Protein backbone atom coordinates (compact mmCIF):
# COMPACT_ATOMS: atom_id res chain seq x y z
CA UNK A 1 -0.16 -151.13 -50.48
CA UNK A 2 3.28 -149.57 -50.02
CA UNK A 3 1.78 -146.19 -50.74
CA UNK A 4 -0.84 -146.71 -48.05
CA UNK A 5 1.80 -147.77 -45.56
CA UNK A 6 3.86 -144.62 -46.18
CA UNK A 7 0.76 -142.47 -45.85
CA UNK A 8 -0.15 -144.05 -42.53
CA UNK A 9 3.40 -143.62 -41.31
CA UNK A 10 3.35 -139.92 -42.23
CA UNK A 11 0.05 -139.43 -40.43
CA UNK A 12 1.37 -141.25 -37.39
CA UNK A 13 4.47 -139.11 -37.15
CA UNK A 14 2.63 -135.80 -37.67
CA UNK A 15 1.71 -135.32 -33.98
CA UNK A 16 5.33 -135.95 -33.03
CA UNK A 17 6.52 -133.34 -35.51
CA UNK A 18 3.97 -130.83 -34.27
CA UNK A 19 4.96 -131.48 -30.65
CA UNK A 20 8.65 -131.09 -31.47
CA UNK A 21 7.96 -127.85 -33.32
CA UNK A 22 5.94 -126.53 -30.39
CA UNK A 23 8.69 -127.42 -27.92
CA UNK A 24 11.26 -125.72 -30.15
CA UNK A 25 9.16 -122.55 -30.36
CA UNK A 26 8.63 -122.57 -26.59
CA UNK A 27 12.35 -122.98 -25.95
CA UNK A 28 13.12 -120.09 -28.30
CA UNK A 29 10.54 -117.92 -26.55
CA UNK A 30 12.06 -118.73 -23.19
CA UNK A 31 15.50 -117.83 -24.49
CA UNK A 32 14.35 -114.44 -25.76
CA UNK A 33 15.53 -111.62 -23.49
CA UNK A 34 12.82 -110.37 -21.17
CA UNK A 35 12.08 -106.71 -20.48
CA UNK A 36 13.94 -104.60 -17.96
CA UNK A 37 11.62 -105.86 -15.22
CA UNK A 38 12.06 -109.53 -16.06
CA UNK A 39 8.86 -111.46 -15.33
CA UNK A 40 7.05 -108.28 -14.27
CA UNK A 41 5.06 -105.95 -16.52
CA UNK A 42 4.94 -103.30 -13.78
CA UNK A 43 6.84 -102.56 -10.59
CA UNK A 44 4.86 -101.61 -7.47
CA UNK A 45 6.64 -99.46 -4.89
CA UNK A 46 5.30 -98.77 -1.39
CA UNK A 47 4.39 -95.09 -1.01
CA UNK A 48 4.60 -94.10 2.68
CA UNK A 49 2.72 -91.34 4.47
CA UNK A 50 5.71 -89.09 5.21
CA UNK A 51 7.09 -86.68 2.62
CA UNK A 52 10.68 -87.87 2.79
CA UNK A 53 9.67 -91.46 2.08
CA UNK A 54 7.48 -90.29 -0.76
CA UNK A 55 10.44 -88.42 -2.25
CA UNK A 56 12.54 -91.59 -2.09
CA UNK A 57 9.93 -93.71 -3.83
CA UNK A 58 9.21 -91.06 -6.46
CA UNK A 59 12.87 -90.67 -7.43
CA UNK A 60 13.28 -94.42 -7.86
CA UNK A 61 10.05 -94.56 -9.88
CA UNK A 62 11.26 -91.74 -12.13
CA UNK A 63 14.44 -93.60 -13.02
CA UNK A 64 12.60 -96.89 -13.61
CA UNK A 65 10.05 -95.28 -15.91
CA UNK A 66 12.22 -92.85 -17.80
CA UNK A 67 15.51 -94.71 -18.02
CA UNK A 68 14.50 -98.39 -17.98
CA UNK A 69 11.04 -98.01 -19.55
CA UNK A 70 9.38 -99.87 -16.67
CA UNK A 71 5.89 -98.75 -15.61
CA UNK A 72 5.64 -98.06 -11.87
CA UNK A 73 2.71 -97.88 -9.48
CA UNK A 74 3.27 -95.97 -6.24
CA UNK A 75 0.91 -97.72 -3.83
CA UNK A 76 -0.02 -95.78 -0.72
CA UNK A 77 -0.54 -97.60 2.56
CA UNK A 78 0.40 -97.59 6.22
CA UNK A 79 3.54 -99.41 7.30
CA UNK A 80 1.74 -102.58 8.42
CA UNK A 81 -0.18 -102.89 5.17
CA UNK A 82 2.89 -102.24 3.03
CA UNK A 83 4.86 -104.96 4.81
CA UNK A 84 2.04 -107.48 4.44
CA UNK A 85 1.66 -106.64 0.74
CA UNK A 86 5.41 -106.88 0.27
CA UNK A 87 5.33 -110.40 1.66
CA UNK A 88 2.38 -111.45 -0.52
CA UNK A 89 3.74 -109.90 -3.70
CA UNK A 90 1.22 -107.07 -3.91
CA UNK A 91 4.13 -104.66 -3.43
CA UNK A 92 7.59 -105.31 -4.86
CA UNK A 93 9.72 -103.00 -2.72
CA UNK A 94 9.77 -100.85 0.39
CA UNK A 95 12.58 -98.34 -0.13
CA UNK A 96 12.56 -96.53 3.23
CA UNK A 97 11.95 -98.59 6.33
CA UNK A 98 12.56 -97.06 9.78
CA UNK A 99 12.55 -100.36 11.68
CA UNK A 100 9.25 -99.61 13.41
CA UNK A 101 7.86 -103.12 12.81
CA UNK A 102 10.50 -105.63 13.96
CA UNK A 103 7.83 -108.35 14.22
CA UNK A 104 7.09 -108.08 10.49
CA UNK A 105 10.80 -108.20 9.67
CA UNK A 106 11.29 -111.30 11.78
CA UNK A 107 8.26 -113.03 10.27
CA UNK A 108 8.82 -112.25 6.60
CA UNK A 109 12.61 -111.90 6.33
CA UNK A 110 14.00 -114.27 8.92
CA UNK A 111 11.31 -116.95 9.19
CA UNK A 112 9.44 -117.13 5.88
CA UNK A 113 12.08 -115.68 3.58
CA UNK A 114 9.54 -114.16 1.18
CA UNK A 115 11.06 -110.71 1.81
CA UNK A 116 14.77 -109.92 1.39
CA UNK A 117 16.76 -107.22 3.17
CA UNK A 118 18.21 -105.22 0.26
CA UNK A 119 20.60 -103.19 2.40
CA UNK A 120 20.84 -99.60 3.57
CA UNK A 121 19.22 -96.72 1.69
CA UNK A 122 22.15 -94.48 2.56
CA UNK A 123 20.42 -92.30 5.14
CA UNK A 124 20.69 -92.43 8.92
CA UNK A 125 17.43 -91.38 10.53
CA UNK A 126 16.93 -89.84 13.92
CA UNK A 127 13.90 -89.11 16.07
CA UNK A 128 13.62 -86.64 18.93
CA UNK A 129 11.82 -83.78 20.64
CA UNK A 130 12.32 -80.17 19.53
CA UNK A 131 11.44 -76.69 20.74
CA UNK A 132 11.61 -73.39 18.89
CA UNK A 133 15.04 -71.77 19.16
CA UNK A 134 13.63 -68.49 20.50
CA UNK A 135 12.07 -70.31 23.45
CA UNK A 136 15.23 -72.35 24.03
CA UNK A 137 17.39 -69.22 24.08
CA UNK A 138 15.06 -67.54 26.57
CA UNK A 139 14.84 -70.68 28.73
CA UNK A 140 17.91 -72.86 28.15
CA UNK A 141 16.87 -75.27 30.89
CA UNK A 142 14.02 -76.43 28.65
CA UNK A 143 16.61 -78.30 26.57
CA UNK A 144 16.83 -80.99 29.26
CA UNK A 145 13.74 -83.21 29.23
CA UNK A 146 13.70 -83.68 33.00
CA UNK A 147 12.96 -79.94 33.33
CA UNK A 148 9.93 -79.90 31.04
CA UNK A 149 7.37 -79.95 33.85
CA UNK A 150 8.41 -76.39 34.71
CA UNK A 151 7.27 -75.35 31.23
CA UNK A 152 4.16 -77.53 30.90
CA UNK A 153 1.85 -74.51 31.02
CA UNK A 154 3.89 -72.62 28.42
CA UNK A 155 3.65 -75.67 26.15
CA UNK A 156 -0.09 -76.11 26.82
CA UNK A 157 0.77 -79.52 28.26
CA UNK A 158 1.32 -80.87 24.76
CA UNK A 159 3.93 -82.79 22.84
CA UNK A 160 2.84 -82.39 19.23
CA UNK A 161 2.73 -85.32 16.82
CA UNK A 162 1.75 -85.68 13.18
CA UNK A 163 -0.34 -88.71 12.19
CA UNK A 164 -1.87 -90.59 15.16
CA UNK A 165 -0.81 -93.88 13.54
CA UNK A 166 2.91 -93.07 13.51
CA UNK A 167 4.81 -95.44 15.79
CA UNK A 168 6.48 -93.54 18.66
CA UNK A 169 7.62 -94.26 22.21
CA UNK A 170 6.54 -90.90 23.57
CA UNK A 171 3.82 -92.08 25.95
CA UNK A 172 6.30 -94.50 27.51
CA UNK A 173 8.98 -91.81 27.79
CA UNK A 174 6.61 -89.25 29.30
CA UNK A 175 5.47 -91.80 31.85
CA UNK A 176 8.99 -92.90 32.77
CA UNK A 177 10.12 -89.28 33.22
CA UNK A 178 6.98 -88.31 35.14
CA UNK A 179 6.21 -85.42 32.79
CA UNK A 180 2.87 -83.63 32.85
CA UNK A 181 2.59 -83.62 29.09
CA UNK A 182 0.47 -85.60 26.67
CA UNK A 183 1.10 -86.53 23.03
CA UNK A 184 -1.30 -84.66 20.75
CA UNK A 185 -1.60 -85.75 17.11
CA UNK A 186 -2.53 -82.80 14.90
CA UNK A 187 -3.66 -85.16 12.13
CA UNK A 188 -0.94 -85.24 9.49
CA UNK A 189 2.66 -84.37 8.73
CA UNK A 190 1.49 -81.33 6.77
CA UNK A 191 -0.54 -80.04 9.73
CA UNK A 192 2.36 -80.56 12.09
CA UNK A 193 4.79 -78.71 9.85
CA UNK A 194 2.40 -75.81 9.48
CA UNK A 195 2.22 -75.52 13.27
CA UNK A 196 5.97 -75.89 13.74
CA UNK A 197 6.83 -73.33 11.03
CA UNK A 198 4.31 -70.83 12.37
CA UNK A 199 5.61 -71.26 15.93
CA UNK A 200 9.18 -70.77 14.75
CA UNK A 201 8.28 -67.55 12.93
CA UNK A 202 6.38 -65.94 15.81
CA UNK A 203 8.32 -67.48 18.69
CA UNK A 204 5.45 -69.44 20.21
CA UNK A 205 6.60 -72.04 22.77
CA UNK A 206 6.11 -75.41 21.08
CA UNK A 207 7.36 -78.92 21.85
CA UNK A 208 7.17 -81.35 18.96
CA UNK A 209 8.18 -84.83 17.96
CA UNK A 210 10.15 -84.76 14.68
CA UNK A 211 12.52 -86.88 12.68
CA UNK A 212 15.62 -86.28 10.61
CA UNK A 213 16.35 -86.01 7.79
CA UNK A 214 13.57 -83.51 7.19
CA UNK A 215 13.39 -80.46 4.96
CA UNK A 216 11.61 -78.43 7.66
CA UNK A 217 14.91 -77.89 9.49
CA UNK A 218 15.97 -75.64 6.60
CA UNK A 219 12.86 -73.48 7.17
CA UNK A 220 12.13 -73.57 10.91
CA UNK A 221 14.60 -72.70 13.64
CA UNK A 222 14.39 -75.62 16.06
CA UNK A 223 16.56 -76.97 18.84
CA UNK A 224 16.57 -80.56 20.04
CA UNK A 225 15.67 -81.38 23.63
CA UNK A 226 18.12 -83.73 25.30
CA UNK A 227 16.49 -86.86 26.60
CA UNK A 228 18.16 -88.35 29.68
CA UNK A 229 20.33 -91.43 29.55
CA UNK A 230 19.79 -93.80 27.97
CA UNK A 231 18.61 -91.52 25.14
CA UNK A 232 19.86 -94.06 22.61
CA UNK A 233 17.53 -96.65 24.11
CA UNK A 234 14.55 -94.34 23.59
CA UNK A 235 15.29 -93.18 20.07
CA UNK A 236 18.52 -94.66 18.66
CA UNK A 237 19.87 -93.55 15.31
CA UNK A 238 18.30 -95.69 12.60
CA UNK A 239 19.96 -96.90 9.43
CA UNK A 240 17.10 -96.68 6.94
CA UNK A 241 16.83 -99.88 4.92
CA UNK A 242 15.28 -101.24 1.72
CA UNK A 243 13.30 -104.47 1.49
CA UNK A 244 12.35 -106.34 -1.70
CA UNK A 245 9.94 -109.17 -2.29
CA UNK A 246 12.20 -112.18 -2.73
CA UNK A 247 10.54 -113.46 -5.91
CA UNK A 248 10.78 -109.98 -7.43
CA UNK A 249 14.45 -109.73 -6.48
CA UNK A 250 15.15 -113.04 -8.21
CA UNK A 251 12.96 -112.51 -11.30
CA UNK A 252 12.65 -108.71 -11.63
CA UNK A 253 15.60 -108.28 -13.96
CA UNK A 254 17.35 -104.92 -14.24
CA UNK A 255 14.57 -103.17 -12.32
CA UNK A 256 15.16 -105.34 -9.25
CA UNK A 257 18.94 -104.89 -9.59
CA UNK A 258 18.51 -101.12 -9.76
CA UNK A 259 16.34 -101.02 -6.62
CA UNK A 260 18.71 -103.35 -4.79
CA UNK A 261 21.63 -100.99 -5.47
CA UNK A 262 19.68 -97.72 -5.19
CA UNK A 263 20.92 -95.23 -2.58
CA UNK A 264 19.94 -91.68 -1.68
CA UNK A 265 21.53 -89.03 0.55
CA UNK A 266 19.69 -86.99 3.14
CA UNK A 267 20.31 -83.77 1.24
CA UNK A 268 18.97 -85.31 -2.00
CA UNK A 269 15.85 -86.49 -0.24
CA UNK A 270 15.31 -83.13 1.47
CA UNK A 271 15.62 -81.29 -1.85
CA UNK A 272 12.86 -83.40 -3.44
CA UNK A 273 10.68 -83.37 -0.33
CA UNK A 274 10.88 -79.59 -0.10
CA UNK A 275 9.54 -79.26 -3.65
CA UNK A 276 6.55 -81.34 -2.56
CA UNK A 277 5.85 -79.69 0.76
CA UNK A 278 6.78 -76.08 0.04
CA UNK A 279 6.27 -75.57 -3.69
CA UNK A 280 3.25 -77.75 -4.31
CA UNK A 281 4.81 -80.34 -6.63
CA UNK A 282 3.44 -83.84 -6.71
CA UNK A 283 6.07 -86.40 -5.65
CA UNK A 284 6.49 -87.58 -9.25
CA UNK A 285 6.81 -84.02 -10.58
CA UNK A 286 9.30 -83.17 -7.84
CA UNK A 287 11.41 -86.20 -8.70
CA UNK A 288 11.36 -85.24 -12.37
CA UNK A 289 12.35 -81.67 -11.62
CA UNK A 290 15.20 -82.73 -9.34
CA UNK A 291 16.45 -85.42 -11.75
CA UNK A 292 16.52 -82.94 -14.64
CA UNK A 293 19.12 -80.93 -12.71
CA UNK A 294 21.16 -83.97 -11.61
CA UNK A 295 21.67 -86.15 -14.69
CA UNK A 296 25.08 -87.27 -13.44
CA UNK A 297 23.47 -88.76 -10.33
CA UNK A 298 20.91 -90.60 -12.41
CA UNK A 299 23.68 -92.03 -14.56
CA UNK A 300 25.57 -93.06 -11.45
CA UNK A 301 22.57 -95.12 -10.32
CA UNK A 302 22.21 -96.68 -13.74
CA UNK A 303 25.85 -97.68 -13.84
CA UNK A 304 25.95 -99.15 -10.33
CA UNK A 305 27.72 -102.50 -10.57
CA UNK A 306 27.02 -102.52 -14.31
CA UNK A 307 23.58 -103.91 -13.60
CA UNK A 308 20.85 -101.47 -14.50
CA UNK A 309 21.72 -101.05 -18.16
CA UNK A 310 22.28 -104.72 -18.71
CA UNK A 311 26.02 -104.66 -18.23
């Protein structure tokens, strides 16, 4: 009888022992250090349409993959789509935002809080109108926007653009200044740069919308047209910024810390972008080539605030 009672007691306590063991194993698993990307098996970075932004994303991806052993997807998309995916978690980071979508920032950063402003990238961007230097030297008055009507025929009545979906204020500016010019999108950044470089080489009168930093200024001889006051209201200087999905920032481990602290200079970006645009490298290959010649810069990123290497 006593034997039976002990047997029943052992059987009754078995589920409790199994449950305790399971809880202990779960606790140990939770205490085990996660990978460099925390809760994430892969990091997804927004890949913009413009070459400079692609260079930025590719350099960050190179460091994540080769130094922190974190797989990275570079996801292409327009600015609106990238912001929406950032908020939903489909994208983990936008590393070069030009402030073209203040409504998205207000909605996702300020109101919902599912996106976090991760600070400046380290580059100040600028947008403006440019003509070839040869034309400017022959007609210096063209460098003042209010005089452009006198050269509308020389310029074929066009203000060249790249992608038709790029956000600009040019139609508004042309209308306010009463200029007989129209924005003409040539289809892509590559097509625009081909036209600008050709015009610079042969001296063809060309008026184009462009932004800085941009590698093309090292290849084409261009002069900026002065917009009338308030020029800053039309195209103010822009501190390029990074944005991270808030959950990723909190749970993305060393990868999130690296992206939060990541900075890039204009000259660094231009060097990588030029490899893509001029020498035919893919963005990833260009980033690898550039990083191989700048190991000290890579180490500087990894050591930032002692975060990226688990310090």
